Amino acid sequence: MDYKTLLVLLFLGISSVVFSQEETNISENEYTYNKNKGKAYFYWGGNRALFSKSDIHFKGANYDFTLQDVNAKDKPKGWHIDYINPARMTIPQTNFRLGYYIYDNYQISFGFDHMKYVVERPQNVTINGYINFNGIEEGDVNYNGVYNNDTINLIDTIGPDGNPTFFAFEYTDGLNYVNIEIARVDDLGEYLNLNPNKIQINLLEGIGIGGLYPKTNATIIGKPRNDEFSWSGYGISVKAGLNLTFFEHFMIQTELKGGFINMPWVKTTIDGDTAKQQFWFIQHNITVGYVFQLFNNSKKNNINLN
């Protein structure tokens, strides 16, 4: 099953849950669940990501070509102190989110997914287009030519300046997906008769949309290396997750998240050269966080502790 089919099925399943579920009535003398309205939360954690193949179209002065079916991977840090080191905690692949319960079962949140995306080298890819440097502007004339379904090897060769001689393309300072999400939350402890003041087991499903603000590290056909932040496109996503909340405040959350990214405005050089690409992604997140009451809930949480 490919990325697109998997994510469509995930989206349909989450959509049916988010928009069709109704709150369960709790009889008297039982624990009262889902009294979340007015609460806020934040979390921080790490991720691993998988990316589909993509066509990357590069365009600039005297060149216009597309590399087809390019493979890329993430760049994990592993279990590392950098995740909690304030001076270095943005270096690993991380996730941050700040959210608010607008209803007992629904939350809205803002956050960023700091993934990393690295085109694999070496690899053989198909190239179409042309390169026609005249020897005056910066660029490697050795690659001049018209390409028509030709194969080129993205060789992992480093030049005397320390940069790849032909091609390097990555977002290692962040494939930064800045997004807003809305999610449905249901406390499964209701069916297990757990005391929600001590532990909550929450199932959540959500959808999100946002912009891509990557730091593009690119060296293209001998042109000077570029490494700048820029708004480059947009993304849409769906997620499903499991949340454990202890003593009403401390939470651990794991999520499976996937979606589609379209970046038509990637800046590759300081001269204004650009690239564009689109791809699917799947992300697994593990986070820790804190829940707190931001506004008073008019519904009292009457708990029978007998």
Protein backbone atom coordinates (compact mmCIF):
# COMPACT_ATOMS: atom_id res chain seq x y z
CA MET A 1 0.00 0.00 0.00
CA ASP A 2 1.49 3.37 -1.02
CA TYR A 3 1.66 6.58 1.04
CA LYS A 4 -1.31 8.19 -0.70
CA THR A 5 -3.67 5.26 -0.16
CA LEU A 6 -2.61 4.86 3.48
CA LEU A 7 -3.12 8.54 4.28
CA VAL A 8 -6.50 8.70 2.52
CA LEU A 9 -7.72 5.76 4.61
CA LEU A 10 -6.34 7.38 7.78
CA PHE A 11 -8.06 10.68 6.90
CA LEU A 12 -11.43 9.01 6.21
CA GLY A 13 -11.24 7.05 9.43
CA ILE A 14 -10.33 10.08 11.54
CA SER A 15 -12.93 12.29 9.85
CA SER A 16 -15.69 9.81 10.62
CA VAL A 17 -14.65 9.70 14.27
CA VAL A 18 -14.17 13.46 14.70
CA PHE A 19 -17.48 14.47 13.17
CA SER A 20 -19.76 11.62 14.20
CA GLN A 21 -19.06 10.88 17.86
CA GLU A 22 -21.39 12.08 20.59
CA GLU A 23 -20.65 12.62 24.23
CA THR A 24 -21.58 9.71 26.50
CA ASN A 25 -23.99 10.46 29.34
CA ILE A 26 -22.61 9.47 32.74
CA SER A 27 -25.03 8.31 35.37
CA GLU A 28 -24.89 9.53 38.93
CA ASN A 29 -22.43 8.04 41.43
CA GLU A 30 -19.86 7.35 38.70
CA TYR A 31 -16.67 9.14 37.79
CA THR A 32 -17.27 12.20 35.60
CA TYR A 33 -15.13 12.23 32.48
CA ASN A 34 -14.08 14.72 29.81
CA LYS A 35 -14.53 17.87 31.89
CA ASN A 36 -11.82 19.51 29.87
CA LYS A 37 -13.35 22.73 28.60
CA GLY A 38 -11.17 25.68 29.62
CA LYS A 39 -8.01 23.62 30.02
CA ALA A 40 -4.78 24.35 28.15
CA TYR A 41 -1.69 22.25 27.56
CA PHE A 42 1.73 22.23 25.98
CA TYR A 43 4.06 19.43 24.99
CA TRP A 44 7.57 18.81 23.66
CA GLY A 45 9.12 15.70 22.16
CA GLY A 46 10.79 13.98 19.24
CA ASN A 47 9.84 12.40 15.93
CA ARG A 48 10.90 10.00 13.20
CA ALA A 49 9.66 10.57 9.66
CA LEU A 50 9.33 8.75 6.34
CA PHE A 51 8.95 10.53 2.99
CA SER A 52 7.65 9.39 -0.38
CA LYS A 53 9.72 9.80 -3.53
CA SER A 54 9.32 13.19 -5.20
CA ASP A 55 10.14 15.05 -8.39
CA ILE A 56 12.25 18.15 -7.68
CA HIS A 57 12.19 20.92 -10.29
CA PHE A 58 15.17 23.33 -10.24
CA LYS A 59 15.12 26.63 -12.14
CA GLY A 60 17.54 29.53 -12.41
CA ALA A 61 19.60 31.58 -14.84
CA ASN A 62 20.53 29.29 -17.76
CA TYR A 63 19.17 26.08 -16.28
CA ASP A 64 15.80 24.40 -15.87
CA PHE A 65 15.66 20.70 -15.04
CA THR A 66 13.75 18.13 -13.03
CA LEU A 67 15.10 15.19 -11.04
CA GLN A 68 12.46 12.46 -10.88
CA ASP A 69 11.57 10.00 -8.13
CA VAL A 70 14.18 11.28 -5.71
CA ASN A 71 14.63 9.34 -2.46
CA ALA A 72 15.04 11.19 0.84
CA LYS A 73 15.27 10.24 4.49
CA ASP A 74 15.19 11.87 7.90
CA LYS A 75 18.23 12.45 10.14
CA PRO A 76 17.50 11.15 13.65
CA LYS A 77 19.49 12.15 16.69
CA GLY A 78 18.49 9.13 18.76
CA TRP A 79 18.08 9.29 22.52
CA HIS A 80 20.11 12.37 23.35
CA ILE A 81 20.50 15.05 26.01
CA ASP A 82 19.93 17.72 23.34
CA TYR A 83 16.17 17.13 23.63
CA ILE A 84 16.20 18.77 27.06
CA ASN A 85 19.24 21.06 26.67
CA PRO A 86 17.78 24.60 26.24
CA ALA A 87 20.77 25.70 24.15
CA ARG A 88 20.50 22.76 21.71
CA MET A 89 16.94 21.45 21.91
CA THR A 90 16.08 22.64 18.37
CA ILE A 91 18.88 20.53 16.84
CA PRO A 92 17.12 17.12 17.00
CA GLN A 93 13.88 16.30 15.18
CA THR A 94 11.34 17.78 17.58
CA ASN A 95 7.69 18.68 18.06
CA PHE A 96 6.15 21.49 20.10
CA ARG A 97 2.45 22.22 20.57
CA LEU A 98 0.32 24.60 22.62
CA GLY A 99 -3.38 23.78 22.80
CA TYR A 100 -6.72 24.68 24.36
CA TYR A 101 -9.93 22.73 24.97
CA ILE A 102 -12.76 24.67 23.34
CA TYR A 103 -15.17 21.91 24.42
CA ASP A 104 -14.82 18.90 26.70
CA ASN A 105 -14.02 16.64 23.77
CA TYR A 106 -12.48 19.09 21.30
CA GLN A 107 -9.19 20.95 21.35
CA ILE A 108 -7.54 23.44 19.03
CA SER A 109 -3.79 23.85 19.00
CA PHE A 110 -0.84 25.58 17.37
CA GLY A 111 2.59 24.06 16.97
CA PHE A 112 5.49 23.12 14.78
CA ASP A 113 6.89 19.81 13.58
CA HIS A 114 10.66 20.12 13.16
CA MET A 115 11.41 17.25 10.78
CA LYS A 116 14.62 16.76 8.81
CA TYR A 117 14.73 15.88 5.09
CA VAL A 118 17.91 14.74 3.33
CA VAL A 119 18.17 13.68 -0.31
CA GLU A 120 20.12 10.43 -0.32
CA ARG A 121 23.52 10.40 -2.03
CA PRO A 122 24.65 8.60 -4.04
CA GLN A 123 21.57 7.54 -5.99
CA ASN A 124 20.66 7.25 -9.67
CA VAL A 125 17.74 9.42 -10.80
CA THR A 126 16.16 10.44 -14.09
CA ILE A 127 16.82 14.01 -15.27
CA ASN A 128 14.85 16.08 -17.81
CA GLY A 129 15.57 19.67 -18.90
CA TYR A 130 18.67 21.65 -19.72
CA ILE A 131 21.80 23.25 -18.23
CA ASN A 132 23.51 25.92 -20.30
CA PHE A 133 26.09 27.88 -18.31
CA ASN A 134 28.19 30.24 -20.44
CA GLY A 135 31.24 30.25 -18.19
CA ILE A 136 30.64 33.79 -16.93
CA GLU A 137 28.12 33.17 -14.15
CA GLU A 138 28.84 30.74 -11.34
CA GLY A 139 27.95 27.15 -12.17
CA ASP A 140 29.62 23.99 -13.43
CA VAL A 141 29.80 23.99 -17.25
CA ASN A 142 30.71 20.29 -17.17
CA TYR A 143 27.02 19.53 -16.74
CA ASN A 144 25.87 21.62 -19.73
CA GLY A 145 23.48 19.78 -22.02
CA VAL A 146 19.91 18.90 -22.87
CA TYR A 147 18.56 15.99 -20.86
CA ASN A 148 15.70 13.76 -21.98
CA ASN A 149 14.97 10.91 -19.59
CA ASP A 150 18.68 10.51 -18.94
CA THR A 151 20.09 8.91 -15.81
CA ILE A 152 22.38 10.90 -13.57
CA ASN A 153 24.13 9.82 -10.38
CA LEU A 154 23.87 12.17 -7.43
CA ILE A 155 27.43 11.31 -6.46
CA ASP A 156 28.51 12.01 -2.91
CA THR A 157 31.68 13.82 -4.02
CA ILE A 158 33.11 16.75 -2.05
CA GLY A 159 35.03 19.58 -3.73
CA PRO A 160 38.02 21.56 -2.40
CA ASP A 161 35.68 24.09 -0.75
CA GLY A 162 34.12 21.32 1.32
CA ASN A 163 30.81 21.36 -0.58
CA PRO A 164 29.40 18.68 -2.94
CA THR A 165 30.57 19.21 -6.52
CA PHE A 166 27.19 18.69 -8.22
CA PHE A 167 24.26 18.35 -5.92
CA ALA A 168 23.18 18.41 -2.28
CA PHE A 169 19.67 19.19 -1.13
CA GLU A 170 18.35 18.96 2.40
CA TYR A 171 16.35 20.59 5.16
CA THR A 172 18.53 19.52 8.08
CA ASP A 173 17.96 22.74 10.00
CA GLY A 174 14.33 21.94 9.72
CA LEU A 175 11.59 20.85 7.40
CA ASN A 176 9.49 23.05 9.65
CA TYR A 177 5.76 22.41 9.39
CA VAL A 178 4.06 25.26 11.30
CA ASN A 179 0.42 24.27 11.71
CA ILE A 180 -2.96 24.58 13.39
CA GLU A 181 -4.86 21.45 14.40
CA ILE A 182 -8.30 20.57 15.68
CA ALA A 183 -8.70 17.23 17.45
CA ARG A 184 -11.32 15.08 19.12
CA VAL A 185 -10.38 13.59 22.52
CA ASP A 186 -12.13 10.70 24.30
CA ASP A 187 -11.20 9.31 27.71
CA LEU A 188 -11.09 5.52 27.44
CA GLY A 189 -10.92 5.33 31.23
CA GLU A 190 -14.70 5.69 31.19
CA TYR A 191 -14.95 2.13 29.90
CA LEU A 192 -12.27 0.86 32.29
CA ASN A 193 -13.72 2.59 35.36
CA LEU A 194 -10.47 4.46 36.05
CA ASN A 195 -10.31 7.42 38.40
CA PRO A 196 -9.63 10.41 36.05
CA ASN A 197 -8.07 12.35 38.94
CA LYS A 198 -5.25 9.79 38.92
CA ILE A 199 -4.97 8.57 35.35
CA GLN A 200 -6.64 9.28 32.03
CA ILE A 201 -6.21 7.22 28.88
CA ASN A 202 -7.25 9.45 26.00
CA LEU A 203 -7.76 8.53 22.37
CA LEU A 204 -7.34 11.46 19.98
CA GLU A 205 -7.90 12.06 16.28
CA GLY A 206 -7.15 15.32 14.50
CA ILE A 207 -6.67 17.22 11.28
CA GLY A 208 -4.27 20.08 10.59
CA ILE A 209 -3.14 22.65 8.06
CA GLY A 210 -0.16 24.98 7.96
CA GLY A 211 2.84 26.46 6.22
CA LEU A 212 6.35 25.17 5.54
CA TYR A 213 9.26 27.31 6.76
CA PRO A 214 12.36 25.21 6.04
CA LYS A 215 15.99 26.16 6.17
CA THR A 216 17.09 24.98 2.74
CA ASN A 217 20.67 23.73 2.59
CA ALA A 218 21.34 23.44 -1.16
CA THR A 219 24.31 23.16 -3.49
CA ILE A 220 23.11 22.94 -7.09
CA ILE A 221 25.42 22.22 -10.09
CA GLY A 222 28.38 24.07 -8.69
CA LYS A 223 26.54 27.23 -7.61
CA PRO A 224 27.38 28.65 -4.16
CA ARG A 225 25.82 26.87 -1.21
CA ASN A 226 22.59 28.35 0.11
CA ASP A 227 21.37 27.83 3.69
CA GLU A 228 18.45 30.16 4.47
CA PHE A 229 15.02 30.08 6.09
CA SER A 230 12.12 30.94 3.78
CA TRP A 231 8.38 30.33 3.52
CA SER A 232 8.23 27.65 0.86
CA GLY A 233 4.74 26.15 0.74
CA TYR A 234 1.95 24.49 2.70
CA GLY A 235 0.93 21.17 4.19
CA ILE A 236 -2.17 19.30 5.34
CA SER A 237 -2.15 16.45 7.83
CA VAL A 238 -4.17 13.97 9.87
CA LYS A 239 -3.19 12.21 13.07
CA ALA A 240 -4.28 9.59 15.57
CA GLY A 241 -2.76 9.21 19.00
CA LEU A 242 -2.88 7.93 22.54
CA ASN A 243 -2.48 10.23 25.55
CA LEU A 244 -1.78 9.25 29.14
CA THR A 245 -2.45 12.00 31.71
CA PHE A 246 -1.41 11.47 35.34
CA PHE A 247 -2.90 13.35 38.30
CA GLU A 248 -4.74 15.67 35.87
CA HIS A 249 -1.57 17.51 34.82
CA PHE A 250 1.35 15.40 33.56
CA MET A 251 1.02 13.83 30.13
CA ILE A 252 2.78 11.46 27.78
CA GLN A 253 1.49 11.33 24.22
CA THR A 254 2.33 9.23 21.18
CA GLU A 255 1.01 10.03 17.71
CA LEU A 256 1.00 8.66 14.19
CA LYS A 257 0.75 11.62 11.85
CA GLY A 258 0.74 11.81 8.08
CA GLY A 259 0.01 14.23 5.31
CA PHE A 260 0.89 15.98 2.10
CA ILE A 261 3.45 18.76 1.61
CA ASN A 262 3.59 21.06 -1.41
CA MET A 263 6.52 23.49 -1.64
CA PRO A 264 6.51 25.54 -4.89
CA TRP A 265 8.74 28.39 -3.59
CA VAL A 266 11.92 26.78 -2.25
CA LYS A 267 14.84 29.22 -2.37
CA THR A 268 18.04 27.43 -3.49
CA THR A 269 20.54 30.28 -4.08
CA ILE A 270 21.15 33.84 -2.93
CA ASP A 271 20.46 34.90 -6.55
CA GLY A 272 16.81 33.93 -6.31
CA ASP A 273 16.99 30.51 -8.00
CA THR A 274 14.20 28.21 -6.92
CA ALA A 275 13.05 24.62 -6.61
CA LYS A 276 9.64 23.06 -6.17
CA GLN A 277 8.51 19.66 -4.97
CA GLN A 278 5.63 17.85 -3.33
CA PHE A 279 5.56 14.63 -1.33
CA TRP A 280 3.73 12.57 1.29
CA PHE A 281 5.06 12.04 4.79
CA ILE A 282 4.40 9.82 7.79
CA GLN A 283 5.64 10.85 11.21
CA HIS A 284 5.76 9.07 14.57
CA ASN A 285 5.94 11.38 17.60
CA ILE A 286 6.58 10.78 21.30
CA THR A 287 6.08 13.80 23.56
CA VAL A 288 5.74 14.84 27.21
CA GLY A 289 3.73 17.79 28.45
CA TYR A 290 1.64 19.56 31.07
CA VAL A 291 -2.09 20.26 31.33
CA PHE A 292 -3.51 23.15 33.37
CA GLN A 293 -6.81 24.93 33.95
CA LEU A 294 -6.76 28.21 32.05
CA PHE A 295 -10.41 29.18 32.55
CA ASN A 296 -12.92 27.84 35.05
CA ASN A 297 -15.24 25.14 33.78
CA SER A 298 -18.82 25.81 34.75
CA LYS A 299 -19.44 22.06 35.03
CA LYS A 300 -18.31 20.66 38.35
CA ASN A 301 -16.29 17.48 38.36
CA ASN A 302 -18.27 15.50 40.94
CA ILE A 303 -16.32 12.32 41.67
CA ASN A 304 -17.50 9.48 43.83
CA LEU A 305 -14.37 8.09 45.50
CA ASN A 306 -16.19 5.33 47.38
